Amino acid sequence: MDTHYLEDLTDDDVEIQKELIGLFFNTAHKSRDGLKQALKNNQDLLWKESAHELKGSALSLGFYDLAELCSKAHPAEKFNED
């Protein structure tokens, strides 16, 4: 976790930092549950959505290593440019 990023984001307000981290963990648990369900039931779309949601939450607080892992779990779709 990039603590400097979080400090800058919250203007060093520890209470806001605690609140944001709490919200992150709520989202992370929801995403984890989605990933587990997707793996158990072979649901590709749910897997991608859950990994994407976790990646966004991780990036928003400076969890860059976790975001990178999530990127590998849901590679970007390639679109044909016609």
PDB file of N, CA and C in Angstrom:
ATOM      1  N   MET A   1       0.842  -1.173   0.000  1.00  0.00           N
ATOM      2  CA  MET A   1       0.000   0.000   0.000  1.00  0.00           C
ATOM      3  C   MET A   1       0.886   1.235   0.000  1.00  0.00           C
ATOM      4  N   ASP A   2       0.536   2.167  -0.831  1.00  0.00           N
ATOM      5  CA  ASP A   2       1.263   3.433  -0.908  1.00  0.00           C
ATOM      6  C   ASP A   2       0.664   4.383   0.133  1.00  0.00           C
ATOM      7  N   THR A   3       1.265   4.402   1.315  1.00  0.00           N
ATOM      8  CA  THR A   3       0.717   5.217   2.403  1.00  0.00           C
ATOM      9  C   THR A   3       0.796   6.705   2.098  1.00  0.00           C
ATOM     10  N   HIS A   4       1.798   7.114   1.342  1.00  0.00           N
ATOM     11  CA  HIS A   4       1.906   8.538   0.976  1.00  0.00           C
ATOM     12  C   HIS A   4       0.720   8.957   0.113  1.00  0.00           C
ATOM     13  N   TYR A   5       0.305   8.069  -0.781  1.00  0.00           N
ATOM     14  CA  TYR A   5      -0.853   8.362  -1.626  1.00  0.00           C
ATOM     15  C   TYR A   5      -2.104   8.551  -0.769  1.00  0.00           C
ATOM     16  N   LEU A   6      -2.308   7.639   0.179  1.00  0.00           N
ATOM     17  CA  LEU A   6      -3.481   7.721   1.050  1.00  0.00           C
ATOM     18  C   LEU A   6      -3.433   8.989   1.908  1.00  0.00           C
ATOM     19  N   GLU A   7      -2.263   9.317   2.415  1.00  0.00           N
ATOM     20  CA  GLU A   7      -2.119  10.534   3.215  1.00  0.00           C
ATOM     21  C   GLU A   7      -2.439  11.772   2.391  1.00  0.00           C
ATOM     22  N   ASP A   8      -1.942  11.815   1.178  1.00  0.00           N
ATOM     23  CA  ASP A   8      -2.232  12.946   0.292  1.00  0.00           C
ATOM     24  C   ASP A   8      -3.713  13.002  -0.061  1.00  0.00           C
ATOM     25  N   LEU A   9      -4.281  11.844  -0.337  1.00  0.00           N
ATOM     26  CA  LEU A   9      -5.690  11.752  -0.720  1.00  0.00           C
ATOM     27  C   LEU A   9      -6.608  12.283   0.380  1.00  0.00           C
ATOM     28  N   THR A  10      -6.230  12.027   1.616  1.00  0.00           N
ATOM     29  CA  THR A  10      -7.082  12.378   2.758  1.00  0.00           C
ATOM     30  C   THR A  10      -6.584  13.591   3.525  1.00  0.00           C
ATOM     31  N   ASP A  11      -5.571  14.251   3.010  1.00  0.00           N
ATOM     32  CA  ASP A  11      -4.980  15.407   3.686  1.00  0.00           C
ATOM     33  C   ASP A  11      -4.580  15.034   5.121  1.00  0.00           C
ATOM     34  N   ASP A  12      -4.023  13.831   5.264  1.00  0.00           N
ATOM     35  CA  ASP A  12      -3.535  13.298   6.542  1.00  0.00           C
ATOM     36  C   ASP A  12      -4.611  13.136   7.612  1.00  0.00           C
ATOM     37  N   ASP A  13      -5.869  13.053   7.215  1.00  0.00           N
ATOM     38  CA  ASP A  13      -6.957  12.873   8.168  1.00  0.00           C
ATOM     39  C   ASP A  13      -7.112  11.381   8.462  1.00  0.00           C
ATOM     40  N   VAL A  14      -6.691  10.972   9.661  1.00  0.00           N
ATOM     41  CA  VAL A  14      -6.672   9.558  10.032  1.00  0.00           C
ATOM     42  C   VAL A  14      -8.084   8.965  10.055  1.00  0.00           C
ATOM     43  N   GLU A  15      -9.069   9.725  10.468  1.00  0.00           N
ATOM     44  CA  GLU A  15     -10.438   9.211  10.511  1.00  0.00           C
ATOM     45  C   GLU A  15     -10.959   8.904   9.098  1.00  0.00           C
ATOM     46  N   ILE A  16     -10.669   9.775   8.168  1.00  0.00           N
ATOM     47  CA  ILE A  16     -11.067   9.525   6.775  1.00  0.00           C
ATOM     48  C   ILE A  16     -10.314   8.320   6.228  1.00  0.00           C
ATOM     49  N   GLN A  17      -9.037   8.191   6.583  1.00  0.00           N
ATOM     50  CA  GLN A  17      -8.249   7.042   6.140  1.00  0.00           C
ATOM     51  C   GLN A  17      -8.870   5.748   6.646  1.00  0.00           C
ATOM     52  N   LYS A  18      -9.255   5.723   7.917  1.00  0.00           N
ATOM     53  CA  LYS A  18      -9.895   4.528   8.481  1.00  0.00           C
ATOM     54  C   LYS A  18     -11.194   4.204   7.751  1.00  0.00           C
ATOM     55  N   GLU A  19     -11.968   5.232   7.470  1.00  0.00           N
ATOM     56  CA  GLU A  19     -13.239   5.025   6.772  1.00  0.00           C
ATOM     57  C   GLU A  19     -13.015   4.469   5.367  1.00  0.00           C
ATOM     58  N   LEU A  20     -12.063   5.035   4.644  1.00  0.00           N
ATOM     59  CA  LEU A  20     -11.773   4.568   3.282  1.00  0.00           C
ATOM     60  C   LEU A  20     -11.251   3.138   3.284  1.00  0.00           C
ATOM     61  N   ILE A  21     -10.392   2.832   4.230  1.00  0.00           N
ATOM     62  CA  ILE A  21      -9.860   1.466   4.310  1.00  0.00           C
ATOM     63  C   ILE A  21     -10.978   0.489   4.657  1.00  0.00           C
ATOM     64  N   GLY A  22     -11.884   0.888   5.536  1.00  0.00           N
ATOM     65  CA  GLY A  22     -13.035   0.047   5.860  1.00  0.00           C
ATOM     66  C   GLY A  22     -13.905  -0.207   4.642  1.00  0.00           C
ATOM     67  N   LEU A  23     -14.157   0.845   3.868  1.00  0.00           N
ATOM     68  CA  LEU A  23     -14.938   0.686   2.635  1.00  0.00           C
ATOM     69  C   LEU A  23     -14.217  -0.228   1.650  1.00  0.00           C
ATOM     70  N   PHE A  24     -12.892  -0.084   1.571  1.00  0.00           N
ATOM     71  CA  PHE A  24     -12.118  -0.958   0.690  1.00  0.00           C
ATOM     72  C   PHE A  24     -12.305  -2.416   1.078  1.00  0.00           C
ATOM     73  N   PHE A  25     -12.183  -2.705   2.374  1.00  0.00           N
ATOM     74  CA  PHE A  25     -12.302  -4.098   2.800  1.00  0.00           C
ATOM     75  C   PHE A  25     -13.706  -4.647   2.574  1.00  0.00           C
ATOM     76  N   ASN A  26     -14.729  -3.826   2.722  1.00  0.00           N
ATOM     77  CA  ASN A  26     -16.087  -4.274   2.400  1.00  0.00           C
ATOM     78  C   ASN A  26     -16.191  -4.673   0.935  1.00  0.00           C
ATOM     79  N   THR A  27     -15.660  -3.832   0.063  1.00  0.00           N
ATOM     80  CA  THR A  27     -15.671  -4.129  -1.372  1.00  0.00           C
ATOM     81  C   THR A  27     -14.803  -5.346  -1.680  1.00  0.00           C
ATOM     82  N   ALA A  28     -13.658  -5.434  -1.025  1.00  0.00           N
ATOM     83  CA  ALA A  28     -12.749  -6.560  -1.258  1.00  0.00           C
ATOM     84  C   ALA A  28     -13.411  -7.882  -0.878  1.00  0.00           C
ATOM     85  N   HIS A  29     -14.130  -7.895   0.234  1.00  0.00           N
ATOM     86  CA  HIS A  29     -14.825  -9.127   0.640  1.00  0.00           C
ATOM     87  C   HIS A  29     -15.899  -9.509  -0.373  1.00  0.00           C
ATOM     88  N   LYS A  30     -16.641  -8.511  -0.853  1.00  0.00           N
ATOM     89  CA  LYS A  30     -17.671  -8.774  -1.868  1.00  0.00           C
ATOM     90  C   LYS A  30     -17.023  -9.325  -3.148  1.00  0.00           C
ATOM     91  N   SER A  31     -15.928  -8.710  -3.554  1.00  0.00           N
ATOM     92  CA  SER A  31     -15.229  -9.167  -4.761  1.00  0.00           C
ATOM     93  C   SER A  31     -14.668 -10.569  -4.563  1.00  0.00           C
ATOM     94  N   ARG A  32     -14.099 -10.828  -3.390  1.00  0.00           N
ATOM     95  CA  ARG A  32     -13.565 -12.156  -3.091  1.00  0.00           C
ATOM     96  C   ARG A  32     -14.661 -13.207  -3.194  1.00  0.00           C
ATOM     97  N   ASP A  33     -15.834 -12.887  -2.634  1.00  0.00           N
ATOM     98  CA  ASP A  33     -16.949 -13.827  -2.709  1.00  0.00           C
ATOM     99  C   ASP A  33     -17.364 -14.071  -4.158  1.00  0.00           C
ATOM    100  N   GLY A  34     -17.366 -13.010  -4.965  1.00  0.00           N
ATOM    101  CA  GLY A  34     -17.684 -13.156  -6.381  1.00  0.00           C
ATOM    102  C   GLY A  34     -16.671 -14.022  -7.104  1.00  0.00           C
ATOM    103  N   LEU A  35     -15.395 -13.829  -6.790  1.00  0.00           N
ATOM    104  CA  LEU A  35     -14.344 -14.640  -7.412  1.00  0.00           C
ATOM    105  C   LEU A  35     -14.489 -16.108  -7.026  1.00  0.00           C
ATOM    106  N   LYS A  36     -14.781 -16.359  -5.747  1.00  0.00           N
ATOM    107  CA  LYS A  36     -14.968 -17.743  -5.295  1.00  0.00           C
ATOM    108  C   LYS A  36     -16.148 -18.403  -6.009  1.00  0.00           C
ATOM    109  N   GLN A  37     -17.260 -17.671  -6.081  1.00  0.00           N
ATOM    110  CA  GLN A  37     -18.452 -18.213  -6.748  1.00  0.00           C
ATOM    111  C   GLN A  37     -18.166 -18.463  -8.228  1.00  0.00           C
ATOM    112  N   ALA A  38     -17.491 -17.522  -8.855  1.00  0.00           N
ATOM    113  CA  ALA A  38     -17.180 -17.664 -10.275  1.00  0.00           C
ATOM    114  C   ALA A  38     -16.286 -18.872 -10.530  1.00  0.00           C
ATOM    115  N   LEU A  39     -15.317 -19.071  -9.661  1.00  0.00           N
ATOM    116  CA  LEU A  39     -14.412 -20.207  -9.817  1.00  0.00           C
ATOM    117  C   LEU A  39     -15.153 -21.522  -9.601  1.00  0.00           C
ATOM    118  N   LYS A  40     -15.994 -21.543  -8.583  1.00  0.00           N
ATOM    119  CA  LYS A  40     -16.753 -22.755  -8.260  1.00  0.00           C
ATOM    120  C   LYS A  40     -17.731 -23.130  -9.371  1.00  0.00           C
ATOM    121  N   ASN A  41     -18.373 -22.109  -9.960  1.00  0.00           N
ATOM    122  CA  ASN A  41     -19.434 -22.357 -10.942  1.00  0.00           C
ATOM    123  C   ASN A  41     -19.010 -22.088 -12.383  1.00  0.00           C
ATOM    124  N   ASN A  42     -17.720 -21.853 -12.584  1.00  0.00           N
ATOM    125  CA  ASN A  42     -17.186 -21.617 -13.924  1.00  0.00           C
ATOM    126  C   ASN A  42     -17.919 -20.471 -14.633  1.00  0.00           C
ATOM    127  N   GLN A  43     -18.027 -19.337 -13.941  1.00  0.00           N
ATOM    128  CA  GLN A  43     -18.728 -18.169 -14.463  1.00  0.00           C
ATOM    129  C   GLN A  43     -17.705 -17.106 -14.872  1.00  0.00           C
ATOM    130  N   ASP A  44     -17.352 -17.102 -16.130  1.00  0.00           N
ATOM    131  CA  ASP A  44     -16.308 -16.214 -16.640  1.00  0.00           C
ATOM    132  C   ASP A  44     -16.653 -14.735 -16.459  1.00  0.00           C
ATOM    133  N   LEU A  45     -17.876 -14.354 -16.757  1.00  0.00           N
ATOM    134  CA  LEU A  45     -18.260 -12.946 -16.650  1.00  0.00           C
ATOM    135  C   LEU A  45     -18.190 -12.462 -15.202  1.00  0.00           C
ATOM    136  N   LEU A  46     -18.693 -13.254 -14.268  1.00  0.00           N
ATOM    137  CA  LEU A  46     -18.633 -12.879 -12.858  1.00  0.00           C
ATOM    138  C   LEU A  46     -17.184 -12.761 -12.401  1.00  0.00           C
ATOM    139  N   TRP A  47     -16.329 -13.655 -12.881  1.00  0.00           N
ATOM    140  CA  TRP A  47     -14.900 -13.595 -12.537  1.00  0.00           C
ATOM    141  C   TRP A  47     -14.307 -12.261 -12.996  1.00  0.00           C
ATOM    142  N   LYS A  48     -14.553 -11.897 -14.247  1.00  0.00           N
ATOM    143  CA  LYS A  48     -14.004 -10.656 -14.787  1.00  0.00           C
ATOM    144  C   LYS A  48     -14.553  -9.435 -14.051  1.00  0.00           C
ATOM    145  N   GLU A  49     -15.853  -9.434 -13.780  1.00  0.00           N
ATOM    146  CA  GLU A  49     -16.461  -8.292 -13.076  1.00  0.00           C
ATOM    147  C   GLU A  49     -15.919  -8.150 -11.665  1.00  0.00           C
ATOM    148  N   SER A  50     -15.771  -9.254 -10.971  1.00  0.00           N
ATOM    149  CA  SER A  50     -15.269  -9.215  -9.602  1.00  0.00           C
ATOM    150  C   SER A  50     -13.813  -8.773  -9.551  1.00  0.00           C
ATOM    151  N   ALA A  51     -13.009  -9.286 -10.467  1.00  0.00           N
ATOM    152  CA  ALA A  51     -11.604  -8.885 -10.520  1.00  0.00           C
ATOM    153  C   ALA A  51     -11.474  -7.407 -10.880  1.00  0.00           C
ATOM    154  N   HIS A  52     -12.315  -6.953 -11.787  1.00  0.00           N
ATOM    155  CA  HIS A  52     -12.293  -5.544 -12.191  1.00  0.00           C
ATOM    156  C   HIS A  52     -12.693  -4.636 -11.021  1.00  0.00           C
ATOM    157  N   GLU A  53     -13.722  -5.023 -10.289  1.00  0.00           N
ATOM    158  CA  GLU A  53     -14.171  -4.238  -9.138  1.00  0.00           C
ATOM    159  C   GLU A  53     -13.067  -4.163  -8.081  1.00  0.00           C
ATOM    160  N   LEU A  54     -12.417  -5.278  -7.812  1.00  0.00           N
ATOM    161  CA  LEU A  54     -11.343  -5.305  -6.825  1.00  0.00           C
ATOM    162  C   LEU A  54     -10.159  -4.462  -7.287  1.00  0.00           C
ATOM    163  N   LYS A  55      -9.850  -4.532  -8.572  1.00  0.00           N
ATOM    164  CA  LYS A  55      -8.748  -3.728  -9.112  1.00  0.00           C
ATOM    165  C   LYS A  55      -9.029  -2.240  -8.927  1.00  0.00           C
ATOM    166  N   GLY A  56     -10.234  -1.805  -9.247  1.00  0.00           N
ATOM    167  CA  GLY A  56     -10.582  -0.392  -9.095  1.00  0.00           C
ATOM    168  C   GLY A  56     -10.487   0.070  -7.653  1.00  0.00           C
ATOM    169  N   SER A  57     -10.979  -0.745  -6.743  1.00  0.00           N
ATOM    170  CA  SER A  57     -10.905  -0.405  -5.322  1.00  0.00           C
ATOM    171  C   SER A  57      -9.456  -0.346  -4.853  1.00  0.00           C
ATOM    172  N   ALA A  58      -8.667  -1.299  -5.307  1.00  0.00           N
ATOM    173  CA  ALA A  58      -7.253  -1.326  -4.921  1.00  0.00           C
ATOM    174  C   ALA A  58      -6.520  -0.084  -5.432  1.00  0.00           C
ATOM    175  N   LEU A  59      -6.759   0.276  -6.673  1.00  0.00           N
ATOM    176  CA  LEU A  59      -6.105   1.460  -7.236  1.00  0.00           C
ATOM    177  C   LEU A  59      -6.513   2.733  -6.514  1.00  0.00           C
ATOM    178  N   SER A  60      -7.756   2.800  -6.070  1.00  0.00           N
ATOM    179  CA  SER A  60      -8.243   4.028  -5.448  1.00  0.00           C
ATOM    180  C   SER A  60      -7.556   4.334  -4.128  1.00  0.00           C
ATOM    181  N   LEU A  61      -6.932   3.323  -3.503  1.00  0.00           N
ATOM    182  CA  LEU A  61      -6.249   3.547  -2.228  1.00  0.00           C
ATOM    183  C   LEU A  61      -4.749   3.295  -2.292  1.00  0.00           C
ATOM    184  N   GLY A  62      -4.239   2.979  -3.453  1.00  0.00           N
ATOM    185  CA  GLY A  62      -2.794   2.796  -3.583  1.00  0.00           C
ATOM    186  C   GLY A  62      -2.301   1.382  -3.335  1.00  0.00           C
ATOM    187  N   PHE A  63      -3.187   0.395  -3.446  1.00  0.00           N
ATOM    188  CA  PHE A  63      -2.783  -1.014  -3.354  1.00  0.00           C
ATOM    189  C   PHE A  63      -2.374  -1.472  -4.759  1.00  0.00           C
ATOM    190  N   TYR A  64      -1.240  -0.992  -5.210  1.00  0.00           N
ATOM    191  CA  TYR A  64      -0.845  -1.186  -6.602  1.00  0.00           C
ATOM    192  C   TYR A  64      -0.503  -2.636  -6.941  1.00  0.00           C
ATOM    193  N   ASP A  65       0.118  -3.359  -6.010  1.00  0.00           N
ATOM    194  CA  ASP A  65       0.450  -4.763  -6.278  1.00  0.00           C
ATOM    195  C   ASP A  65      -0.819  -5.604  -6.439  1.00  0.00           C
ATOM    196  N   LEU A  66      -1.794  -5.347  -5.584  1.00  0.00           N
ATOM    197  CA  LEU A  66      -3.065  -6.067  -5.694  1.00  0.00           C
ATOM    198  C   LEU A  66      -3.761  -5.727  -7.008  1.00  0.00           C
ATOM    199  N   ALA A  67      -3.746  -4.462  -7.386  1.00  0.00           N
ATOM    200  CA  ALA A  67      -4.364  -4.048  -8.646  1.00  0.00           C
ATOM    201  C   ALA A  67      -3.701  -4.735  -9.832  1.00  0.00           C
ATOM    202  N   GLU A  68      -2.392  -4.894  -9.768  1.00  0.00           N
ATOM    203  CA  GLU A  68      -1.679  -5.573 -10.857  1.00  0.00           C
ATOM    204  C   GLU A  68      -2.099  -7.038 -10.947  1.00  0.00           C
ATOM    205  N   LEU A  69      -2.240  -7.694  -9.804  1.00  0.00           N
ATOM    206  CA  LEU A  69      -2.711  -9.082  -9.814  1.00  0.00           C
ATOM    207  C   LEU A  69      -4.112  -9.185 -10.404  1.00  0.00           C
ATOM    208  N   CYS A  70      -4.963  -8.237 -10.045  1.00  0.00           N
ATOM    209  CA  CYS A  70      -6.331  -8.241 -10.589  1.00  0.00           C
ATOM    210  C   CYS A  70      -6.325  -8.033 -12.099  1.00  0.00           C
ATOM    211  N   SER A  71      -5.415  -7.210 -12.581  1.00  0.00           N
ATOM    212  CA  SER A  71      -5.303  -6.990 -14.029  1.00  0.00           C
ATOM    213  C   SER A  71      -4.959  -8.286 -14.744  1.00  0.00           C
ATOM    214  N   LYS A  72      -4.125  -9.084 -14.120  1.00  0.00           N
ATOM    215  CA  LYS A  72      -3.762 -10.371 -14.719  1.00  0.00           C
ATOM    216  C   LYS A  72      -4.923 -11.356 -14.659  1.00  0.00           C
ATOM    217  N   ALA A  73      -5.805 -11.176 -13.673  1.00  0.00           N
ATOM    218  CA  ALA A  73      -6.953 -12.069 -13.530  1.00  0.00           C
ATOM    219  C   ALA A  73      -8.057 -11.754 -14.517  1.00  0.00           C
ATOM    220  N   HIS A  74      -8.061 -10.531 -15.023  1.00  0.00           N
ATOM    221  CA  HIS A  74      -9.088 -10.158 -16.005  1.00  0.00           C
ATOM    222  C   HIS A  74      -8.441  -9.314 -17.100  1.00  0.00           C
ATOM    223  N   PRO A  75      -7.783  -9.975 -18.039  1.00  0.00           N
ATOM    224  CA  PRO A  75      -7.150  -9.211 -19.117  1.00  0.00           C
ATOM    225  C   PRO A  75      -8.174  -8.399 -19.897  1.00  0.00           C
ATOM    226  N   ALA A  76      -7.750  -7.247 -20.332  1.00  0.00           N
ATOM    227  CA  ALA A  76      -8.646  -6.361 -21.091  1.00  0.00           C
ATOM    228  C   ALA A  76      -9.115  -7.057 -22.357  1.00  0.00           C
ATOM    229  N   GLU A  77     -10.359  -6.821 -22.667  1.00  0.00           N
ATOM    230  CA  GLU A  77     -10.913  -7.368 -23.902  1.00  0.00           C
ATOM    231  C   GLU A  77     -10.257  -6.679 -25.092  1.00  0.00           C
ATOM    232  N   LYS A  78     -10.029  -7.431 -26.116  1.00  0.00           N
ATOM    233  CA  LYS A  78      -9.460  -6.856 -27.341  1.00  0.00           C
ATOM    234  C   LYS A  78     -10.585  -6.641 -28.330  1.00  0.00           C
ATOM    235  N   PHE A  79     -10.672  -5.436 -28.813  1.00  0.00           N
ATOM    236  CA  PHE A  79     -11.727  -5.098 -29.751  1.00  0.00           C
ATOM    237  C   PHE A  79     -11.133  -4.975 -31.159  1.00  0.00           C
ATOM    238  N   ASN A  80     -11.883  -5.442 -32.109  1.00  0.00           N
ATOM    239  CA  ASN A  80     -11.483  -5.281 -33.503  1.00  0.00           C
ATOM    240  C   ASN A  80     -11.816  -3.863 -33.947  1.00  0.00           C
ATOM    241  N   GLU A  81     -10.853  -3.197 -34.520  1.00  0.00           N
ATOM    242  CA  GLU A  81     -11.110  -1.853 -35.033  1.00  0.00           C
ATOM    243  C   GLU A  81     -11.309  -1.958 -36.533  1.00  0.00           C
ATOM    244  N   ASP A  82     -12.540  -1.849 -36.950  1.00  0.00           N
ATOM    245  CA  ASP A  82     -12.858  -1.957 -38.384  1.00  0.00           C
ATOM    246  C   ASP A  82     -13.004  -0.579 -38.991  1.00  0.00           C
TER     247      ASP A  82
END
